[in-house]
């Protein structure tokens, strides 16, 4: 359920908590806490990865190491060290380092969810921005304000943004004789020759027509066999329950008092739909099928076992079948606008950046590293993280690069337009007792996608009661 680009291969697992506890790193590292500037010594700034993406040993880590080497060559007074910990171990590793008084100086790339696991512990950059006359006008005002919430000051600066969109396989629509979904926000969909609103109801109707059994019957047919489905109409690819809910409308599981669990009405509707579309209409596969090798090992859209998927820009890395060398095989997918719900369109938003630890001993040097990663090194890093540059001037070149990779032709304007419909509040925002709350969400989506015999309304009510208990434990 990571909120940003999925890990491309399982590497560096052996580092895990062992590396975290002893301050191990990749590259040239002393294995010691940050050095001091006294007596002419270089200041050591430690960069911790990977609470988000960045741990792929073949593709990402070599580029990160090259960025570190280039920084050290051009900054003789600062020694930047990279510490790579496997994503699955990273939160525990960070906690171990913090508890041991060995917290890193820079952390990233990290999304909202990874950051909120350490809520209130990031450095407010306001004074450093002023002291260094750092130019914020290179970013849209909204992307800067995205990191100035929750009473923490300017806890981050924009780096990579991942608007969401509807991915779809063109050939699935062609075979079903369906028009492609609209690419322009506000445009209608043409269904059976008539214009209809592009909303969730329309998307679910398409999902029924795109869900096909072994005999070629779709889910609208009386002959449809739900036990022998070859292609499903829809898959919520790498989306947790908050993301599933936020496509129906922005919201939060936390009331304004910061301690009461609440379920926004659109999220309730989305959760009920997730359950019903899985177990009654059979247009979403069960969790067991999703995880099965023949359905793509958790990525059925890539395996062409799902025709549509609402997910984020980072997913372009993994949307096509690949050969043994990781090269895409006949990619045919494109992207379309997120459908509306009850008259409101919400294209929920992921964003990654680098953050400075609140208790760093070297805030100025850490800020120099931060602005280097966001500036001179950003194109190299964005290339391996799959992120759309938050810096407006870099966006055209970024999409030109994607065009070289995805030669089938993708309408990237959809991604650019989707930024306007970002969810506010963001679905990954802070919750009390964040990690336990997040884990409960992961468990509950599994219940919804696994058990066809539950009373879904009762289960949702029980979940919310349990979430309140978890929230209350944060006050103990």
Foldseek 3Di string as FASTA:
>chain_A
DAAAFDEPDDPPAVCFQVCLQQVNAPDDDPSDAFDDPPPNAATEAEEEDDCHDQQHPPFRPVLVNVLQVVVCVVDVRYRYTYHYHTNVRRVVSQVSCVVVVRHGFKYDQHWQQSVLLVPLFFAACVVVCVVVVPDLVLFPPVQQVLQQDDPNHRFFHFFFKKWKFKKFFPVLCVVLVADDAAADPPAFGQDPNDTDAQAPVVLVVQQQSSWAFPVGDGLVDPPGDLVGTQAAAEEAQPDFLLRLQCQAHFDELADPVQQAGDADPSSLVSLVCLLCCDQPSNRYDFPVLCCDVCCPNRQNQQVRRYGMYIGIQLCVQRRHDADPVSAGDPGRMETHHRHYHPPAGARAMIGTAMTTGRPDPCVNVSVVVRVCCRPVSSVSNCVSRSGQTSRPVCRVVSVVVVCVRVVNDYDCVSRVVSVVRYHVVHSSHHHQLSVVLVVLRVVVVNVSRHDSPDPSVVSVVVSSVVSSVSSVVSVD
